[in-house]
Amino acid sequence: MSIYSRILGTGGFLPKKVVTNRDLERMLDTTDTWIQERTGIKQRHVVSDGETCVDLAEPAARRAIDAAGITPGEIDLIVMATTTPDQIFPSSACALQNRLDIHGCPAFDIQAVCTGFVYALGVADKFIRTGSASKALVVGAEAFSRIIDWTDRGTCIIFGDGAGAVVIGADHEPGIITSCLHADGAYRELLHVPAGVGNGYNGALFVEMKGNEVFRVAVTTLGRIVDEVLTANGMERSDIDWLVPHQANMRIIQATARKLDLPMEQVVVTVDTHGNTSAASVPLAFDQAVRDGRIQRGQVVLMEAFGGGFTWGSVLLRY
């Protein structure tokens, strides 16, 4: 009998500190109107001094575990997507594992920037399907404000911090139907941090983005992946109940919804209050829609994301 994975519980967490567009007006040559027209963002949450990525991940993980109706000790795999780990090593997944008092199971990070959670969920699904794990904790968490230049209005208006998580478990009925993951490093310099460890770079290590070029590639790529995932599963656009997109930019979200012929009422949007939380954005949005009752058991959900690398991907699931 085939084994599949199904989402058992969800969780999310946002830091308390909020930076509004009005706050940014006092810091930059920008306005609330300009930011909202170009991004759809009104505010974003950011970590406070001393608050870490794992500090965000832990409560999100605990909420997902509680919602799944299990104990931390039942988790036998932890996959954490983050671009902003607390240390170079050990992994943030190992630090989270220790916080949760879980011992012995595999725990590792995935770095695919804004597509990180989609990648992590796709990987964890394969562990479940092959019988290598029975209950997996999948987390997307970012303290992205730590790598933002707060004098650069092209990037600082966009990004925020947060964490989202799901627990998936083995089932004999398909929950996660399929995942499609891609990357193309030829576009790496359009959205990147220009250096890493020990390579003699003397500048500040902040995100650099060529926004117009990123927008064009993202819209085209996400349109293709919608067709790919539906064709692979013999499904029509009308079969999708909910789109849970990466919360990068309202215009990108609207373009993807048009590709699916989905009204915005069937699209989960948090970019206005969360900003772009990178790997945390998809699980945060999914958790919010589950908890407020919009997404119901049995409905078909398409998650999709696009990020630096470039990376892009989608997960099609029945919740």
Protein backbone atom coordinates (compact mmCIF):
# COMPACT_ATOMS: atom_id res chain seq x y z
CA MET A 1 0.00 0.00 0.00
CA SER A 2 1.35 3.42 -0.95
CA ILE A 3 2.40 5.89 1.73
CA TYR A 4 1.65 9.58 1.40
CA SER A 5 2.12 12.58 3.67
CA ARG A 6 -0.59 14.84 5.02
CA ILE A 7 -0.46 18.11 6.95
CA LEU A 8 -1.52 17.41 10.53
CA GLY A 9 -1.07 20.83 12.11
CA THR A 10 0.13 24.37 11.44
CA GLY A 11 1.71 27.15 13.47
CA GLY A 12 3.04 30.66 13.06
CA PHE A 13 4.81 33.38 15.01
CA LEU A 14 5.67 37.04 14.40
CA PRO A 15 7.99 39.23 16.49
CA LYS A 16 6.24 41.95 18.48
CA LYS A 17 8.12 44.88 16.98
CA VAL A 18 6.29 46.46 14.02
CA VAL A 19 7.73 48.90 11.49
CA THR A 20 5.03 50.76 9.57
CA ASN A 21 5.35 52.69 6.34
CA ARG A 22 4.94 55.85 8.40
CA ASP A 23 8.01 54.83 10.39
CA LEU A 24 9.95 54.43 7.15
CA GLU A 25 8.84 57.88 5.98
CA ARG A 26 10.84 59.31 8.87
CA MET A 27 13.93 57.31 7.86
CA LEU A 28 13.92 57.42 4.05
CA ASP A 29 12.91 59.43 1.01
CA THR A 30 9.66 57.50 0.59
CA THR A 31 5.97 57.68 1.41
CA ASP A 32 3.28 55.31 2.60
CA THR A 33 1.43 55.81 -0.68
CA TRP A 34 4.52 55.04 -2.79
CA ILE A 35 5.22 51.81 -0.86
CA GLN A 36 1.63 50.57 -0.99
CA GLU A 37 1.24 51.31 -4.70
CA ARG A 38 4.37 49.35 -5.60
CA THR A 39 4.25 46.50 -3.10
CA GLY A 40 0.91 46.38 -1.28
CA ILE A 41 2.78 46.49 2.05
CA LYS A 42 1.58 48.61 4.98
CA GLN A 43 3.80 47.25 7.75
CA ARG A 44 6.26 44.50 8.61
CA HIS A 45 7.38 42.77 11.83
CA VAL A 46 11.10 42.82 12.71
CA VAL A 47 13.16 41.17 15.42
CA SER A 48 14.30 43.15 18.44
CA ASP A 49 17.87 43.27 19.70
CA GLY A 50 18.89 39.81 20.88
CA GLU A 51 15.90 38.06 19.25
CA THR A 52 17.06 35.24 16.97
CA CYS A 53 15.72 33.19 14.09
CA VAL A 54 15.31 30.15 16.36
CA ASP A 55 13.47 32.35 18.88
CA LEU A 56 10.86 32.81 16.13
CA ALA A 57 10.90 29.20 14.98
CA GLU A 58 10.31 27.63 18.40
CA PRO A 59 6.82 29.03 19.15
CA ALA A 60 5.72 28.42 15.55
CA ALA A 61 6.89 24.82 15.83
CA ARG A 62 5.20 24.28 19.20
CA ARG A 63 1.92 25.63 17.84
CA ALA A 64 2.11 23.27 14.86
CA ILE A 65 2.88 20.31 17.13
CA ASP A 66 -0.03 21.20 19.43
CA ALA A 67 -2.38 21.60 16.45
CA ALA A 68 -1.32 18.17 15.18
CA GLY A 69 -2.30 16.66 18.53
CA ILE A 70 1.06 15.00 19.09
CA THR A 71 4.04 15.40 21.42
CA PRO A 72 7.47 16.69 20.37
CA GLY A 73 8.89 13.23 21.03
CA GLU A 74 6.86 11.82 18.13
CA ILE A 75 8.73 14.00 15.62
CA ASP A 76 11.32 11.94 13.73
CA LEU A 77 12.50 14.53 11.18
CA ILE A 78 13.10 18.29 11.33
CA VAL A 79 13.66 20.32 8.16
CA MET A 80 14.11 24.06 8.59
CA ALA A 81 14.23 26.57 5.76
CA THR A 82 16.12 29.75 6.54
CA THR A 83 18.46 32.25 4.91
CA THR A 84 19.32 33.87 8.23
CA PRO A 85 20.57 31.17 10.61
CA ASP A 86 21.74 32.17 14.07
CA GLN A 87 25.15 30.58 13.43
CA ILE A 88 27.13 29.27 10.48
CA PHE A 89 26.91 25.92 12.23
CA PRO A 90 25.39 24.00 13.86
CA SER A 91 22.23 24.28 11.82
CA SER A 92 19.22 26.19 13.09
CA ALA A 93 17.30 22.91 12.79
CA CYS A 94 19.63 21.35 15.37
CA ALA A 95 19.22 24.35 17.67
CA LEU A 96 15.44 24.08 17.32
CA GLN A 97 15.61 20.34 17.95
CA ASN A 98 17.38 21.00 21.24
CA ARG A 99 14.84 23.68 22.26
CA LEU A 100 12.03 21.17 21.68
CA ASP A 101 13.86 18.47 23.68
CA ILE A 102 13.89 16.13 20.68
CA HIS A 103 16.92 13.86 20.35
CA GLY A 104 18.37 11.57 17.71
CA CYS A 105 16.26 12.24 14.61
CA PRO A 106 17.66 13.91 11.47
CA ALA A 107 17.60 17.71 11.61
CA PHE A 108 18.96 19.97 8.88
CA ASP A 109 18.56 23.36 7.21
CA ILE A 110 17.61 24.11 3.62
CA GLN A 111 18.68 27.36 1.96
CA ALA A 112 16.56 28.31 -1.03
CA VAL A 113 15.73 31.84 0.16
CA CYS A 114 12.05 32.67 -0.45
CA THR A 115 11.35 29.23 -1.93
CA GLY A 116 12.89 27.58 1.14
CA PHE A 117 9.68 26.33 2.77
CA VAL A 118 8.40 24.87 -0.50
CA TYR A 119 11.74 23.07 -0.93
CA ALA A 120 11.68 21.87 2.69
CA LEU A 121 8.13 20.57 2.43
CA GLY A 122 8.98 18.77 -0.82
CA VAL A 123 12.01 17.11 0.82
CA ALA A 124 10.12 16.11 3.97
CA ASP A 125 7.34 14.64 1.83
CA LYS A 126 9.90 12.34 0.17
CA PHE A 127 11.12 11.17 3.59
CA ILE A 128 7.56 10.26 4.54
CA ARG A 129 6.77 8.55 1.23
CA THR A 130 9.85 6.35 1.41
CA GLY A 131 9.14 5.32 5.00
CA SER A 132 12.23 7.12 6.33
CA ALA A 133 10.09 9.23 8.69
CA SER A 134 6.55 9.07 10.01
CA LYS A 135 6.05 12.57 11.44
CA ALA A 136 8.09 15.54 10.24
CA LEU A 137 8.33 19.11 11.47
CA VAL A 138 8.86 21.54 8.58
CA VAL A 139 9.67 25.15 9.45
CA GLY A 140 10.33 28.35 7.53
CA ALA A 141 11.89 31.05 9.71
CA GLU A 142 13.71 34.30 9.01
CA ALA A 143 15.31 37.21 10.83
CA PHE A 144 15.68 38.81 7.41
CA SER A 145 15.89 42.35 8.75
CA ARG A 146 19.43 41.49 9.91
CA ILE A 147 20.68 41.44 6.30
CA ILE A 148 18.77 44.51 5.14
CA ASP A 149 20.33 47.92 4.50
CA TRP A 150 17.82 50.23 6.18
CA THR A 151 19.00 53.13 4.01
CA ASP A 152 18.12 51.28 0.77
CA ARG A 153 14.48 52.00 -0.01
CA GLY A 154 14.48 49.36 -2.75
CA THR A 155 14.82 46.55 -0.21
CA CYS A 156 14.05 47.75 3.33
CA ILE A 157 10.42 48.55 2.49
CA ILE A 158 9.81 44.95 1.39
CA PHE A 159 11.18 42.49 3.92
CA GLY A 160 10.12 41.41 7.40
CA ASP A 161 10.71 38.65 9.95
CA GLY A 162 8.66 35.71 11.18
CA ALA A 163 8.26 31.93 11.29
CA GLY A 164 5.72 29.39 10.11
CA ALA A 165 5.60 25.64 10.57
CA VAL A 166 3.67 22.50 9.70
CA VAL A 167 3.74 18.95 10.98
CA ILE A 168 3.21 16.31 8.31
CA GLY A 169 2.50 12.66 8.95
CA ALA A 170 2.16 9.41 7.03
CA ASP A 171 -1.24 8.58 5.56
CA HIS A 172 -2.70 6.13 3.04
CA GLU A 173 -4.57 8.92 1.23
CA PRO A 174 -2.70 11.66 -0.66
CA GLY A 175 -2.38 14.91 1.27
CA ILE A 176 0.64 16.36 -0.48
CA ILE A 177 -0.11 15.47 -4.09
CA THR A 178 3.10 16.66 -5.70
CA SER A 179 5.95 19.13 -5.43
CA CYS A 180 7.81 20.79 -8.32
CA LEU A 181 11.18 22.34 -7.48
CA HIS A 182 13.51 24.31 -9.76
CA ALA A 183 16.56 26.59 -9.78
CA ASP A 184 18.69 28.51 -12.26
CA GLY A 185 21.90 30.06 -10.96
CA ALA A 186 22.30 32.15 -14.10
CA TYR A 187 20.09 34.76 -12.42
CA ARG A 188 21.91 34.75 -9.08
CA GLU A 189 23.18 38.35 -9.25
CA LEU A 190 19.71 39.85 -9.68
CA LEU A 191 18.89 39.07 -6.04
CA HIS A 192 21.71 38.21 -3.69
CA VAL A 193 23.93 39.03 -0.76
CA PRO A 194 27.25 39.72 -2.49
CA ALA A 195 29.60 37.65 -0.34
CA GLY A 196 29.95 34.95 2.28
CA VAL A 197 32.49 33.59 4.73
CA GLY A 198 36.20 34.29 4.34
CA ASN A 199 36.36 35.54 0.74
CA GLY A 200 37.95 38.91 1.41
CA TYR A 201 34.86 41.00 0.69
CA ASN A 202 35.09 44.33 2.52
CA GLY A 203 31.59 45.74 2.00
CA ALA A 204 28.51 45.39 4.16
CA LEU A 205 26.70 42.09 3.70
CA PHE A 206 23.22 43.26 2.81
CA VAL A 207 20.65 42.10 0.28
CA GLU A 208 21.06 43.61 -3.17
CA MET A 209 18.17 43.40 -5.63
CA LYS A 210 17.46 44.53 -9.18
CA GLY A 211 13.75 44.85 -8.56
CA ASN A 212 12.40 45.34 -12.08
CA GLU A 213 14.32 42.37 -13.49
CA VAL A 214 13.30 40.16 -10.57
CA PHE A 215 9.65 41.11 -11.07
CA ARG A 216 9.67 40.19 -14.77
CA VAL A 217 11.31 36.80 -14.25
CA ALA A 218 9.13 35.99 -11.24
CA VAL A 219 5.83 36.63 -13.06
CA THR A 220 6.88 34.55 -16.08
CA THR A 221 8.30 31.71 -14.00
CA LEU A 222 5.37 31.42 -11.61
CA GLY A 223 2.99 31.34 -14.56
CA ARG A 224 4.87 28.38 -16.01
CA ILE A 225 4.90 26.47 -12.74
CA VAL A 226 1.13 26.78 -12.41
CA ASP A 227 0.73 25.01 -15.76
CA GLU A 228 3.41 22.45 -14.86
CA VAL A 229 1.86 21.29 -11.61
CA LEU A 230 -1.68 21.10 -12.97
CA THR A 231 -0.66 19.25 -16.16
CA ALA A 232 1.42 16.75 -14.17
CA ASN A 233 -1.65 15.82 -12.14
CA GLY A 234 -4.32 15.97 -14.83
CA MET A 235 -6.07 18.81 -13.04
CA GLU A 236 -7.81 21.97 -14.20
CA ARG A 237 -7.42 25.46 -12.78
CA SER A 238 -10.96 25.18 -11.45
CA ASP A 239 -9.83 22.30 -9.20
CA ILE A 240 -7.81 24.72 -7.05
CA ASP A 241 -9.68 25.99 -3.99
CA TRP A 242 -6.91 28.18 -2.56
CA LEU A 243 -3.69 29.77 -3.75
CA VAL A 244 -1.14 30.34 -0.98
CA PRO A 245 1.62 32.31 -2.71
CA HIS A 246 4.93 33.59 -1.48
CA GLN A 247 4.18 37.07 -0.16
CA ALA A 248 6.72 38.98 -2.22
CA ASN A 249 4.70 41.74 -3.79
CA MET A 250 0.98 42.28 -4.35
CA ARG A 251 1.44 42.75 -8.09
CA ILE A 252 3.19 39.36 -8.42
CA ILE A 253 0.46 37.71 -6.35
CA GLN A 254 -2.27 39.25 -8.52
CA ALA A 255 -0.50 38.15 -11.72
CA THR A 256 -0.32 34.54 -10.49
CA ALA A 257 -4.00 34.61 -9.50
CA ARG A 258 -4.90 35.81 -13.00
CA LYS A 259 -2.92 32.90 -14.45
CA LEU A 260 -5.10 30.53 -12.41
CA ASP A 261 -8.30 32.46 -13.18
CA LEU A 262 -8.76 32.64 -9.42
CA PRO A 263 -10.57 35.57 -7.81
CA MET A 264 -8.54 37.28 -5.12
CA GLU A 265 -11.08 35.99 -2.60
CA GLN A 266 -9.45 32.55 -3.08
CA VAL A 267 -5.92 33.87 -2.62
CA VAL A 268 -4.37 34.07 0.86
CA VAL A 269 -2.71 37.48 1.23
CA THR A 270 -0.61 38.57 4.20
CA VAL A 271 1.94 40.76 2.42
CA ASP A 272 0.09 43.90 3.54
CA THR A 273 0.76 43.24 7.24
CA HIS A 274 3.76 40.87 7.17
CA GLY A 275 5.81 42.15 4.26
CA ASN A 276 8.03 39.60 2.53
CA THR A 277 9.22 37.18 5.23
CA SER A 278 11.17 35.05 2.75
CA ALA A 279 11.05 31.34 3.73
CA ALA A 280 8.46 32.09 6.42
CA SER A 281 5.88 33.73 4.16
CA VAL A 282 4.11 30.65 2.73
CA PRO A 283 3.72 28.76 6.05
CA LEU A 284 2.68 31.95 7.87
CA ALA A 285 -0.01 32.65 5.28
CA PHE A 286 -1.17 29.03 5.29
CA ASP A 287 -1.38 28.94 9.09
CA GLN A 288 -3.39 32.16 9.17
CA ALA A 289 -5.93 30.87 6.64
CA VAL A 290 -6.27 27.53 8.42
CA ARG A 291 -6.76 29.13 11.82
CA ASP A 292 -9.30 31.70 10.66
CA GLY A 293 -11.34 28.95 9.00
CA ARG A 294 -10.90 29.85 5.35
CA ILE A 295 -8.96 26.72 4.39
CA GLN A 296 -11.00 23.64 5.25
CA ARG A 297 -10.14 19.95 5.35
CA GLY A 298 -10.48 18.32 1.95
CA GLN A 299 -9.82 21.50 -0.04
CA VAL A 300 -7.10 21.68 -2.70
CA VAL A 301 -4.32 24.18 -2.04
CA LEU A 302 -1.53 25.35 -4.33
CA MET A 303 1.53 26.80 -2.62
CA GLU A 304 4.08 28.54 -4.83
CA ALA A 305 7.21 30.60 -4.29
CA PHE A 306 10.07 32.31 -6.09
CA GLY A 307 13.37 33.43 -4.55
CA GLY A 308 17.03 34.24 -4.89
CA GLY A 309 19.11 31.70 -6.72
CA PHE A 310 16.89 31.93 -8.65
CA THR A 311 14.82 29.20 -7.06
CA TRP A 312 11.15 28.52 -7.61
CA GLY A 313 8.67 25.78 -6.84
CA SER A 314 5.19 24.70 -5.90
CA VAL A 315 3.43 22.18 -3.68
CA LEU A 316 -0.04 20.94 -4.59
CA LEU A 317 -1.90 19.42 -1.66
CA ARG A 318 -5.27 18.40 -0.34
CA TYR A 319 -5.57 19.75 3.18
